Amino acid sequence: MARLLFAAALVAVLASPAAAQRTYPPVLNEAKSHVYKTVEGTELSLWVFTPKDHQPTDSRPAIVFFFGGGWKNGSPTQFEQQCRYLASRGMVAITADYRVASRQGVKAVECVRDAKSAIRWVRSHAKELGIDPQRLAAGGGSAGGHLAACAGVISEFDDAKEDPSVSSRPNAMVLFNPAVSFDPALAGDDRRAAGLSERMGVEPEKLSPAHHVQPGLPPALVLIGTKDFLIAGNRQFVERMKAAGNRCDLDLYEDREHGFFNYGRKGSADFLKTTESMDRFLTSLGYLSGEPTVTAFFEMK
């Protein structure tokens, strides 16, 4: 019963109307699109934002973002503004599409496969894209944060048709209120729905990053509000990462609920704060340098 109750709140919160209403198909005029995978007749693209005067001969750090929407809907446009900002700071920033339930009828496990495929494609095209394949981060929000965390933590679910010699594991993770634990002990008393196993397509623990933590994982930044339904699972993931000797920074936002970080929400104040936090984390890894320029960049927009 606990697992069923947990499924209710998780699916209801992650498949929020805000995520569902973002523009699809995406229109991202400042980015160059590439098809990274074709599966069952569906072409999956990613959109690459580059710094000014960027050249293929460069070796810049990069990040791939995955949108939220409960593995059911959503659009790569969710992370357009974070991509634009990071490109202004010198990174190659990418937002990726992946299959979802409402468009392709897939389970979450296929979303994870697509995320791993996107990371592998970017790394294998590093010379073409002008990036450093050893400084490739993955980011995402909510269900997209889950995909980024799965790529960084879980070794299974790579696409069997791809070259396993090219790693699908990112070198760092930036996780905005991610779904990182499917522990039924964290269910609480929510009774809205059921079926997490059905939604995942495999047993939930197989896609639960908190259940696969081990030493030697990429450093992570977790950004979440204290009133988010997923807060207990986020704390569990962070604690297990630290206990295993991995760097995992927890950036808490008092009284904020799920999706608080999105551009345009409540005047974008929290968007600006989380973007600056992401900047400082990436700077600490050597991906960026200097002080964040978030406020100045968006004042000019």
C-alpha atoms as a PDB file:
ATOM      1  CA  MET A   1       0.000   0.000   0.000  1.00  0.00           C
ATOM      2  CA  ALA A   2       2.809   2.429   0.824  1.00  0.00           C
ATOM      3  CA  ARG A   3       4.247   2.046  -2.669  1.00  0.00           C
ATOM      4  CA  LEU A   4       0.836   2.759  -4.211  1.00  0.00           C
ATOM      5  CA  LEU A   5       0.333   5.860  -2.105  1.00  0.00           C
ATOM      6  CA  PHE A   6       3.780   7.138  -3.013  1.00  0.00           C
ATOM      7  CA  ALA A   7       2.987   6.646  -6.700  1.00  0.00           C
ATOM      8  CA  ALA A   8      -0.059   8.852  -6.355  1.00  0.00           C
ATOM      9  CA  ALA A   9       1.689  11.957  -5.176  1.00  0.00           C
ATOM     10  CA  LEU A  10       4.748  11.447  -7.338  1.00  0.00           C
ATOM     11  CA  VAL A  11       2.878  11.167 -10.641  1.00  0.00           C
ATOM     12  CA  ALA A  12       0.416  13.930  -9.740  1.00  0.00           C
ATOM     13  CA  VAL A  13       3.115  16.405  -8.737  1.00  0.00           C
ATOM     14  CA  LEU A  14       5.581  15.687 -11.525  1.00  0.00           C
ATOM     15  CA  ALA A  15       3.032  15.744 -14.369  1.00  0.00           C
ATOM     16  CA  SER A  16       2.025  19.300 -13.519  1.00  0.00           C
ATOM     17  CA  PRO A  17       0.025  21.524 -15.891  1.00  0.00           C
ATOM     18  CA  ALA A  18       2.856  24.069 -15.929  1.00  0.00           C
ATOM     19  CA  ALA A  19       5.201  21.510 -17.458  1.00  0.00           C
ATOM     20  CA  ALA A  20       2.563  20.261 -19.891  1.00  0.00           C
ATOM     21  CA  GLN A  21       1.826  23.691 -21.345  1.00  0.00           C
ATOM     22  CA  ARG A  22       5.321  24.520 -22.581  1.00  0.00           C
ATOM     23  CA  THR A  23       5.660  24.858 -26.344  1.00  0.00           C
ATOM     24  CA  TYR A  24       5.932  21.614 -28.289  1.00  0.00           C
ATOM     25  CA  PRO A  25       7.349  21.073 -30.835  1.00  0.00           C
ATOM     26  CA  PRO A  26       9.979  23.425 -29.461  1.00  0.00           C
ATOM     27  CA  VAL A  27      11.072  26.572 -31.288  1.00  0.00           C
ATOM     28  CA  LEU A  28      14.586  27.543 -30.204  1.00  0.00           C
ATOM     29  CA  ASN A  29      15.858  30.036 -32.744  1.00  0.00           C
ATOM     30  CA  GLU A  30      19.192  30.759 -31.042  1.00  0.00           C
ATOM     31  CA  ALA A  31      20.250  27.110 -31.084  1.00  0.00           C
ATOM     32  CA  LYS A  32      21.317  24.601 -33.714  1.00  0.00           C
ATOM     33  CA  SER A  33      19.349  21.343 -33.716  1.00  0.00           C
ATOM     34  CA  HIS A  34      20.773  17.861 -34.235  1.00  0.00           C
ATOM     35  CA  VAL A  35      18.967  14.526 -34.397  1.00  0.00           C
ATOM     36  CA  TYR A  36      20.693  12.312 -31.841  1.00  0.00           C
ATOM     37  CA  LYS A  37      18.500   9.244 -32.135  1.00  0.00           C
ATOM     38  CA  THR A  38      15.744   7.740 -34.262  1.00  0.00           C
ATOM     39  CA  VAL A  39      13.632   5.129 -32.530  1.00  0.00           C
ATOM     40  CA  GLU A  40      10.398   3.509 -33.729  1.00  0.00           C
ATOM     41  CA  GLY A  41       9.949   6.226 -36.322  1.00  0.00           C
ATOM     42  CA  THR A  42      10.509   9.102 -33.888  1.00  0.00           C
ATOM     43  CA  GLU A  43      13.409  11.483 -34.461  1.00  0.00           C
ATOM     44  CA  LEU A  44      14.758  12.851 -31.206  1.00  0.00           C
ATOM     45  CA  SER A  45      16.642  16.134 -31.363  1.00  0.00           C
ATOM     46  CA  LEU A  46      18.762  18.252 -29.098  1.00  0.00           C
ATOM     47  CA  TRP A  47      19.352  21.995 -29.398  1.00  0.00           C
ATOM     48  CA  VAL A  48      22.857  23.392 -28.939  1.00  0.00           C
ATOM     49  CA  PHE A  49      23.472  26.920 -27.635  1.00  0.00           C
ATOM     50  CA  THR A  50      27.056  28.086 -28.115  1.00  0.00           C
ATOM     51  CA  PRO A  51      29.110  31.059 -26.879  1.00  0.00           C
ATOM     52  CA  LYS A  52      29.852  33.889 -29.289  1.00  0.00           C
ATOM     53  CA  ASP A  53      32.684  33.108 -31.697  1.00  0.00           C
ATOM     54  CA  HIS A  54      32.566  29.441 -30.710  1.00  0.00           C
ATOM     55  CA  GLN A  55      34.603  27.150 -32.965  1.00  0.00           C
ATOM     56  CA  PRO A  56      34.614  23.368 -33.465  1.00  0.00           C
ATOM     57  CA  THR A  57      38.274  23.458 -32.505  1.00  0.00           C
ATOM     58  CA  ASP A  58      37.344  24.708 -29.024  1.00  0.00           C
ATOM     59  CA  SER A  59      37.234  22.352 -26.050  1.00  0.00           C
ATOM     60  CA  ARG A  60      34.601  23.929 -23.860  1.00  0.00           C
ATOM     61  CA  PRO A  61      32.650  22.411 -20.975  1.00  0.00           C
ATOM     62  CA  ALA A  62      29.068  21.467 -21.815  1.00  0.00           C
ATOM     63  CA  ILE A  63      25.775  20.565 -20.168  1.00  0.00           C
ATOM     64  CA  VAL A  64      22.714  18.658 -21.396  1.00  0.00           C
ATOM     65  CA  PHE A  65      19.335  19.529 -19.836  1.00  0.00           C
ATOM     66  CA  PHE A  66      16.230  17.322 -19.676  1.00  0.00           C
ATOM     67  CA  PHE A  67      12.759  18.823 -19.188  1.00  0.00           C
ATOM     68  CA  GLY A  68      10.200  17.859 -16.558  1.00  0.00           C
ATOM     69  CA  GLY A  69       6.614  16.692 -16.981  1.00  0.00           C
ATOM     70  CA  GLY A  70       6.238  13.412 -15.137  1.00  0.00           C
ATOM     71  CA  TRP A  71       7.709  11.327 -17.979  1.00  0.00           C
ATOM     72  CA  LYS A  72       4.365  12.115 -19.604  1.00  0.00           C
ATOM     73  CA  ASN A  73       4.718  15.501 -21.322  1.00  0.00           C
ATOM     74  CA  GLY A  74       6.830  18.681 -21.347  1.00  0.00           C
ATOM     75  CA  SER A  75       9.174  20.430 -23.758  1.00  0.00           C
ATOM     76  CA  PRO A  76      12.890  21.174 -24.213  1.00  0.00           C
ATOM     77  CA  THR A  77      11.944  24.873 -24.081  1.00  0.00           C
ATOM     78  CA  GLN A  78      11.835  24.575 -20.284  1.00  0.00           C
ATOM     79  CA  PHE A  79      15.600  25.088 -20.050  1.00  0.00           C
ATOM     80  CA  GLU A  80      16.025  27.580 -22.880  1.00  0.00           C
ATOM     81  CA  GLN A  81      16.886  30.467 -20.565  1.00  0.00           C
ATOM     82  CA  GLN A  82      19.411  28.483 -18.520  1.00  0.00           C
ATOM     83  CA  CYS A  83      21.037  27.451 -21.816  1.00  0.00           C
ATOM     84  CA  ARG A  84      21.178  31.021 -23.114  1.00  0.00           C
ATOM     85  CA  TYR A  85      22.783  32.191 -19.885  1.00  0.00           C
ATOM     86  CA  LEU A  86      25.392  29.436 -19.690  1.00  0.00           C
ATOM     87  CA  ALA A  87      26.344  30.025 -23.328  1.00  0.00           C
ATOM     88  CA  SER A  88      26.946  33.685 -22.428  1.00  0.00           C
ATOM     89  CA  ARG A  89      29.306  32.452 -19.720  1.00  0.00           C
ATOM     90  CA  GLY A  90      31.337  30.297 -22.087  1.00  0.00           C
ATOM     91  CA  MET A  91      29.733  26.871 -21.923  1.00  0.00           C
ATOM     92  CA  VAL A  92      28.050  24.884 -24.660  1.00  0.00           C
ATOM     93  CA  ALA A  93      24.538  24.386 -23.298  1.00  0.00           C
ATOM     94  CA  ILE A  94      22.132  21.838 -24.726  1.00  0.00           C
ATOM     95  CA  THR A  95      18.466  21.037 -24.176  1.00  0.00           C
ATOM     96  CA  ALA A  96      17.295  17.622 -25.308  1.00  0.00           C
ATOM     97  CA  ASP A  97      14.035  16.027 -26.347  1.00  0.00           C
ATOM     98  CA  TYR A  98      13.114  12.494 -25.311  1.00  0.00           C
ATOM     99  CA  ARG A  99      10.106  10.231 -25.705  1.00  0.00           C
ATOM    100  CA  VAL A 100       7.220  10.668 -23.251  1.00  0.00           C
ATOM    101  CA  ALA A 101       3.974   8.850 -22.515  1.00  0.00           C
ATOM    102  CA  SER A 102       1.593  11.385 -24.071  1.00  0.00           C
ATOM    103  CA  ARG A 103       3.400  11.460 -27.428  1.00  0.00           C
ATOM    104  CA  GLN A 104       4.996   8.029 -27.842  1.00  0.00           C
ATOM    105  CA  GLY A 105       3.280   5.928 -25.187  1.00  0.00           C
ATOM    106  CA  VAL A 106       6.530   4.968 -23.450  1.00  0.00           C
ATOM    107  CA  LYS A 107       7.334   4.089 -19.864  1.00  0.00           C
ATOM    108  CA  ALA A 108       9.872   6.015 -17.789  1.00  0.00           C
ATOM    109  CA  VAL A 109      12.562   3.397 -18.428  1.00  0.00           C
ATOM    110  CA  GLU A 110      12.577   4.423 -22.114  1.00  0.00           C
ATOM    111  CA  CYS A 111      12.928   8.072 -21.083  1.00  0.00           C
ATOM    112  CA  VAL A 112      16.058   7.037 -19.195  1.00  0.00           C
ATOM    113  CA  ARG A 113      17.401   5.207 -22.263  1.00  0.00           C
ATOM    114  CA  ASP A 114      16.883   8.321 -24.366  1.00  0.00           C
ATOM    115  CA  ALA A 115      18.660  10.541 -21.838  1.00  0.00           C
ATOM    116  CA  LYS A 116      21.646   8.212 -21.818  1.00  0.00           C
ATOM    117  CA  SER A 117      21.601   8.202 -25.632  1.00  0.00           C
ATOM    118  CA  ALA A 118      21.654  12.005 -25.710  1.00  0.00           C
ATOM    119  CA  ILE A 119      24.671  12.186 -23.403  1.00  0.00           C
ATOM    120  CA  ARG A 120      26.483   9.495 -25.373  1.00  0.00           C
ATOM    121  CA  TRP A 121      25.751  11.288 -28.676  1.00  0.00           C
ATOM    122  CA  VAL A 122      27.088  14.593 -27.358  1.00  0.00           C
ATOM    123  CA  ARG A 123      30.239  12.952 -26.017  1.00  0.00           C
ATOM    124  CA  SER A 124      30.837  11.047 -29.257  1.00  0.00           C
ATOM    125  CA  HIS A 125      30.430  14.294 -31.250  1.00  0.00           C
ATOM    126  CA  ALA A 126      32.685  16.328 -28.957  1.00  0.00           C
ATOM    127  CA  LYS A 127      35.071  17.383 -31.736  1.00  0.00           C
ATOM    128  CA  GLU A 128      32.229  18.474 -34.001  1.00  0.00           C
ATOM    129  CA  LEU A 129      30.580  20.425 -31.173  1.00  0.00           C
ATOM    130  CA  GLY A 130      33.795  21.951 -29.826  1.00  0.00           C
ATOM    131  CA  ILE A 131      33.403  20.536 -26.333  1.00  0.00           C
ATOM    132  CA  ASP A 132      35.540  18.739 -23.787  1.00  0.00           C
ATOM    133  CA  PRO A 133      34.066  15.214 -23.444  1.00  0.00           C
ATOM    134  CA  GLN A 134      35.449  14.990 -19.905  1.00  0.00           C
ATOM    135  CA  ARG A 135      33.595  18.106 -18.772  1.00  0.00           C
ATOM    136  CA  LEU A 136      30.061  17.154 -19.741  1.00  0.00           C
ATOM    137  CA  ALA A 137      27.340  17.771 -17.152  1.00  0.00           C
ATOM    138  CA  ALA A 138      23.715  16.644 -17.133  1.00  0.00           C
ATOM    139  CA  GLY A 139      20.906  18.724 -15.696  1.00  0.00           C
ATOM    140  CA  GLY A 140      17.160  18.681 -15.467  1.00  0.00           C
ATOM    141  CA  GLY A 141      14.063  19.484 -13.479  1.00  0.00           C
ATOM    142  CA  SER A 142      11.638  17.116 -11.746  1.00  0.00           C
ATOM    143  CA  ALA A 143      11.303  14.057 -14.028  1.00  0.00           C
ATOM    144  CA  GLY A 144      14.113  15.566 -16.129  1.00  0.00           C
ATOM    145  CA  GLY A 145      16.221  15.767 -12.992  1.00  0.00           C
ATOM    146  CA  HIS A 146      15.453  12.101 -12.488  1.00  0.00           C
ATOM    147  CA  LEU A 147      16.802  11.341 -15.975  1.00  0.00           C
ATOM    148  CA  ALA A 148      19.996  13.315 -15.346  1.00  0.00           C
ATOM    149  CA  ALA A 149      20.484  11.551 -12.004  1.00  0.00           C
ATOM    150  CA  CYS A 150      19.843   8.123 -13.538  1.00  0.00           C
ATOM    151  CA  ALA A 151      22.473   8.830 -16.182  1.00  0.00           C
ATOM    152  CA  GLY A 152      24.942   9.849 -13.483  1.00  0.00           C
ATOM    153  CA  VAL A 153      24.220   7.084 -10.989  1.00  0.00           C
ATOM    154  CA  ILE A 154      22.605   4.003 -12.593  1.00  0.00           C
ATOM    155  CA  SER A 155      24.718   1.821 -14.854  1.00  0.00           C
ATOM    156  CA  GLU A 156      21.848  -0.045 -16.523  1.00  0.00           C
ATOM    157  CA  PHE A 157      19.417   0.911 -19.304  1.00  0.00           C
ATOM    158  CA  ASP A 158      21.776   2.045 -22.035  1.00  0.00           C
ATOM    159  CA  ASP A 159      20.452   1.560 -25.562  1.00  0.00           C
ATOM    160  CA  ALA A 160      21.751  -1.849 -26.709  1.00  0.00           C
ATOM    161  CA  LYS A 161      22.247  -0.549 -30.262  1.00  0.00           C
ATOM    162  CA  GLU A 162      24.828   2.045 -29.198  1.00  0.00           C
ATOM    163  CA  ASP A 163      28.580   1.875 -28.656  1.00  0.00           C
ATOM    164  CA  PRO A 164      29.170   1.071 -24.967  1.00  0.00           C
ATOM    165  CA  SER A 165      32.784   2.249 -25.237  1.00  0.00           C
ATOM    166  CA  VAL A 166      31.437   5.823 -25.237  1.00  0.00           C
ATOM    167  CA  SER A 167      30.211   6.565 -21.728  1.00  0.00           C
ATOM    168  CA  SER A 168      26.676   7.820 -21.149  1.00  0.00           C
ATOM    169  CA  ARG A 169      27.593   8.945 -17.616  1.00  0.00           C
ATOM    170  CA  PRO A 170      27.927  12.724 -17.169  1.00  0.00           C
ATOM    171  CA  ASN A 171      30.847  14.236 -15.294  1.00  0.00           C
ATOM    172  CA  ALA A 172      28.571  16.339 -13.074  1.00  0.00           C
ATOM    173  CA  MET A 173      24.861  16.693 -12.252  1.00  0.00           C
ATOM    174  CA  VAL A 174      22.668  19.771 -11.726  1.00  0.00           C
ATOM    175  CA  LEU A 175      19.319  18.583 -10.363  1.00  0.00           C
ATOM    176  CA  PHE A 176      16.332  20.912  -9.940  1.00  0.00           C
ATOM    177  CA  ASN A 177      13.756  19.363  -7.546  1.00  0.00           C
ATOM    178  CA  PRO A 178      14.487  15.927  -9.011  1.00  0.00           C
ATOM    179  CA  ALA A 179      12.700  12.633  -8.415  1.00  0.00           C
ATOM    180  CA  VAL A 180      15.668  10.733  -6.993  1.00  0.00           C
ATOM    181  CA  SER A 181      14.087   8.234  -4.605  1.00  0.00           C
ATOM    182  CA  PHE A 182      11.220   5.797  -5.053  1.00  0.00           C
ATOM    183  CA  ASP A 183      11.453   4.536  -1.498  1.00  0.00           C
ATOM    184  CA  PRO A 184       7.959   3.523  -0.299  1.00  0.00           C
ATOM    185  CA  ALA A 185       9.003   4.371   3.250  1.00  0.00           C
ATOM    186  CA  LEU A 186       8.826   8.047   2.202  1.00  0.00           C
ATOM    187  CA  ALA A 187       5.234   7.752   0.958  1.00  0.00           C
ATOM    188  CA  GLY A 188       3.385   9.682   3.632  1.00  0.00           C
ATOM    189  CA  ASP A 189      -0.450   9.614   3.587  1.00  0.00           C
ATOM    190  CA  ASP A 190      -1.261  10.758   0.034  1.00  0.00           C
ATOM    191  CA  ARG A 191      -4.104   8.680  -1.499  1.00  0.00           C
ATOM    192  CA  ARG A 192      -4.617  10.297  -4.922  1.00  0.00           C
ATOM    193  CA  ALA A 193      -3.623   7.462  -7.308  1.00  0.00           C
ATOM    194  CA  ALA A 194      -1.558   4.324  -7.841  1.00  0.00           C
ATOM    195  CA  GLY A 195       0.644   2.535 -10.314  1.00  0.00           C
ATOM    196  CA  LEU A 196       4.264   3.660  -9.995  1.00  0.00           C
ATOM    197  CA  SER A 197       5.548   0.281 -11.191  1.00  0.00           C
ATOM    198  CA  GLU A 198       3.301   0.486 -14.239  1.00  0.00           C
ATOM    199  CA  ARG A 199       4.485   4.024 -14.961  1.00  0.00           C
ATOM    200  CA  MET A 200       8.167   3.136 -14.647  1.00  0.00           C
ATOM    201  CA  GLY A 201       8.027   0.030 -16.838  1.00  0.00           C
ATOM    202  CA  VAL A 202      10.352  -1.775 -14.380  1.00  0.00           C
ATOM    203  CA  GLU A 203      10.407  -2.170 -10.635  1.00  0.00           C
ATOM    204  CA  PRO A 204      10.693   1.406  -9.270  1.00  0.00           C
ATOM    205  CA  GLU A 205      13.854   0.724  -7.255  1.00  0.00           C
ATOM    206  CA  LYS A 206      15.677  -0.104 -10.496  1.00  0.00           C
ATOM    207  CA  LEU A 207      15.119   3.529 -11.560  1.00  0.00           C
ATOM    208  CA  SER A 208      15.627   5.047  -8.117  1.00  0.00           C
ATOM    209  CA  PRO A 209      18.995   6.856  -8.035  1.00  0.00           C
ATOM    210  CA  ALA A 210      19.074   6.831  -4.226  1.00  0.00           C
ATOM    211  CA  HIS A 211      19.098   3.028  -4.317  1.00  0.00           C
ATOM    212  CA  HIS A 212      22.161   2.874  -6.586  1.00  0.00           C
ATOM    213  CA  VAL A 213      24.550   5.282  -4.894  1.00  0.00           C
ATOM    214  CA  GLN A 214      28.127   4.079  -4.646  1.00  0.00           C
ATOM    215  CA  PRO A 215      31.564   5.686  -4.303  1.00  0.00           C
ATOM    216  CA  GLY A 216      33.092   7.442  -7.299  1.00  0.00           C
ATOM    217  CA  LEU A 217      29.969   9.081  -8.708  1.00  0.00           C
ATOM    218  CA  PRO A 218      29.957  12.527 -10.379  1.00  0.00           C
ATOM    219  CA  PRO A 219      29.563  15.601  -8.167  1.00  0.00           C
ATOM    220  CA  ALA A 220      25.997  16.858  -7.885  1.00  0.00           C
ATOM    221  CA  LEU A 221      24.054  19.983  -6.999  1.00  0.00           C
ATOM    222  CA  VAL A 222      20.480  19.475  -5.774  1.00  0.00           C
ATOM    223  CA  LEU A 223      18.180  22.519  -5.676  1.00  0.00           C
ATOM    224  CA  ILE A 224      14.788  22.085  -3.999  1.00  0.00           C
ATOM    225  CA  GLY A 225      12.160  23.923  -1.968  1.00  0.00           C
ATOM    226  CA  THR A 226      11.460  22.919   1.628  1.00  0.00           C
ATOM    227  CA  LYS A 227       7.739  22.479   0.844  1.00  0.00           C
ATOM    228  CA  ASP A 228       8.322  20.251  -2.166  1.00  0.00           C
ATOM    229  CA  PHE A 229       6.681  16.836  -1.942  1.00  0.00           C
ATOM    230  CA  LEU A 230       9.998  15.312  -3.040  1.00  0.00           C
ATOM    231  CA  ILE A 231      12.069  16.863  -0.244  1.00  0.00           C
ATOM    232  CA  ALA A 232      12.433  13.662   1.799  1.00  0.00           C
ATOM    233  CA  GLY A 233      13.685  11.703  -1.211  1.00  0.00           C
ATOM    234  CA  ASN A 234      16.093  14.494  -2.091  1.00  0.00           C
ATOM    235  CA  ARG A 235      17.508  14.503   1.435  1.00  0.00           C
ATOM    236  CA  GLN A 236      17.886  10.726   1.301  1.00  0.00           C
ATOM    237  CA  PHE A 237      19.785  10.925  -1.985  1.00  0.00           C
ATOM    238  CA  VAL A 238      22.090  13.682  -0.726  1.00  0.00           C
ATOM    239  CA  GLU A 239      22.814  11.827   2.521  1.00  0.00           C
ATOM    240  CA  ARG A 240      23.634   8.602   0.688  1.00  0.00           C
ATOM    241  CA  MET A 241      25.848  10.410  -1.806  1.00  0.00           C
ATOM    242  CA  LYS A 242      27.831  12.056   0.975  1.00  0.00           C
ATOM    243  CA  ALA A 243      28.067   8.832   2.973  1.00  0.00           C
ATOM    244  CA  ALA A 244      29.592   7.168  -0.100  1.00  0.00           C
ATOM    245  CA  GLY A 245      32.221   9.912  -0.344  1.00  0.00           C
ATOM    246  CA  ASN A 246      30.670  11.740  -3.289  1.00  0.00           C
ATOM    247  CA  ARG A 247      30.230  15.485  -3.460  1.00  0.00           C
ATOM    248  CA  CYS A 248      26.529  16.382  -3.324  1.00  0.00           C
ATOM    249  CA  ASP A 249      25.546  19.967  -2.484  1.00  0.00           C
ATOM    250  CA  LEU A 250      22.011  20.573  -1.204  1.00  0.00           C
ATOM    251  CA  ASP A 251      20.661  24.045  -1.971  1.00  0.00           C
ATOM    252  CA  LEU A 252      17.409  24.560  -0.034  1.00  0.00           C
ATOM    253  CA  TYR A 253      14.798  27.253  -0.719  1.00  0.00           C
ATOM    254  CA  GLU A 254      12.590  28.045   2.237  1.00  0.00           C
ATOM    255  CA  ASP A 255       8.827  27.526   1.761  1.00  0.00           C
ATOM    256  CA  ARG A 256       9.181  26.897  -1.974  1.00  0.00           C
ATOM    257  CA  GLU A 257       7.094  24.234  -3.672  1.00  0.00           C
ATOM    258  CA  HIS A 258       7.651  22.052  -6.723  1.00  0.00           C
ATOM    259  CA  GLY A 259       8.716  23.857  -9.910  1.00  0.00           C
ATOM    260  CA  PHE A 260       9.693  27.048  -8.070  1.00  0.00           C
ATOM    261  CA  PHE A 261      12.869  27.453 -10.164  1.00  0.00           C
ATOM    262  CA  ASN A 262      11.215  27.862 -13.570  1.00  0.00           C
ATOM    263  CA  TYR A 263      11.750  30.991 -15.644  1.00  0.00           C
ATOM    264  CA  GLY A 264       8.793  33.366 -15.391  1.00  0.00           C
ATOM    265  CA  ARG A 265       7.367  31.865 -12.228  1.00  0.00           C
ATOM    266  CA  LYS A 266       6.458  34.544  -9.673  1.00  0.00           C
ATOM    267  CA  GLY A 267       8.606  37.155 -11.357  1.00  0.00           C
ATOM    268  CA  SER A 268      11.576  34.821 -11.887  1.00  0.00           C
ATOM    269  CA  ALA A 269      13.259  35.727  -8.584  1.00  0.00           C
ATOM    270  CA  ASP A 270      13.878  32.082  -7.747  1.00  0.00           C
ATOM    271  CA  PHE A 271      14.930  31.377 -11.315  1.00  0.00           C
ATOM    272  CA  LEU A 272      17.658  33.985 -10.942  1.00  0.00           C
ATOM    273  CA  LYS A 273      18.776  32.599  -7.565  1.00  0.00           C
ATOM    274  CA  THR A 274      18.926  28.995  -8.763  1.00  0.00           C
ATOM    275  CA  THR A 275      20.735  29.980 -11.947  1.00  0.00           C
ATOM    276  CA  GLU A 276      23.356  31.787  -9.872  1.00  0.00           C
ATOM    277  CA  SER A 277      23.687  28.740  -7.612  1.00  0.00           C
ATOM    278  CA  MET A 278      24.188  26.545 -10.681  1.00  0.00           C
ATOM    279  CA  ASP A 279      26.817  28.984 -11.962  1.00  0.00           C
ATOM    280  CA  ARG A 280      28.765  28.871  -8.690  1.00  0.00           C
ATOM    281  CA  PHE A 281      28.640  25.062  -8.625  1.00  0.00           C
ATOM    282  CA  LEU A 282      29.928  24.807 -12.191  1.00  0.00           C
ATOM    283  CA  THR A 283      32.610  27.397 -11.407  1.00  0.00           C
ATOM    284  CA  SER A 284      33.754  25.294  -8.451  1.00  0.00           C
ATOM    285  CA  LEU A 285      34.307  22.424 -10.897  1.00  0.00           C
ATOM    286  CA  GLY A 286      36.317  24.576 -13.281  1.00  0.00           C
ATOM    287  CA  TYR A 287      33.597  24.656 -15.955  1.00  0.00           C
ATOM    288  CA  LEU A 288      33.169  28.440 -15.604  1.00  0.00           C
ATOM    289  CA  SER A 289      35.326  31.219 -14.233  1.00  0.00           C
ATOM    290  CA  GLY A 290      34.677  34.549 -12.551  1.00  0.00           C
ATOM    291  CA  GLU A 291      31.578  35.804 -10.791  1.00  0.00           C
ATOM    292  CA  PRO A 292      28.052  34.988 -11.994  1.00  0.00           C
ATOM    293  CA  THR A 293      26.450  37.564 -14.315  1.00  0.00           C
ATOM    294  CA  VAL A 294      22.864  36.363 -14.012  1.00  0.00           C
ATOM    295  CA  THR A 295      21.180  39.646 -13.112  1.00  0.00           C
ATOM    296  CA  ALA A 296      23.045  41.668 -15.718  1.00  0.00           C
ATOM    297  CA  PHE A 297      22.372  39.106 -18.446  1.00  0.00           C
ATOM    298  CA  PHE A 298      18.625  38.986 -17.903  1.00  0.00           C
ATOM    299  CA  GLU A 299      18.325  42.728 -17.398  1.00  0.00           C
ATOM    300  CA  MET A 300      19.669  43.049 -20.950  1.00  0.00           C
ATOM    301  CA  LYS A 301      17.189  40.507 -22.343  1.00  0.00           C
END
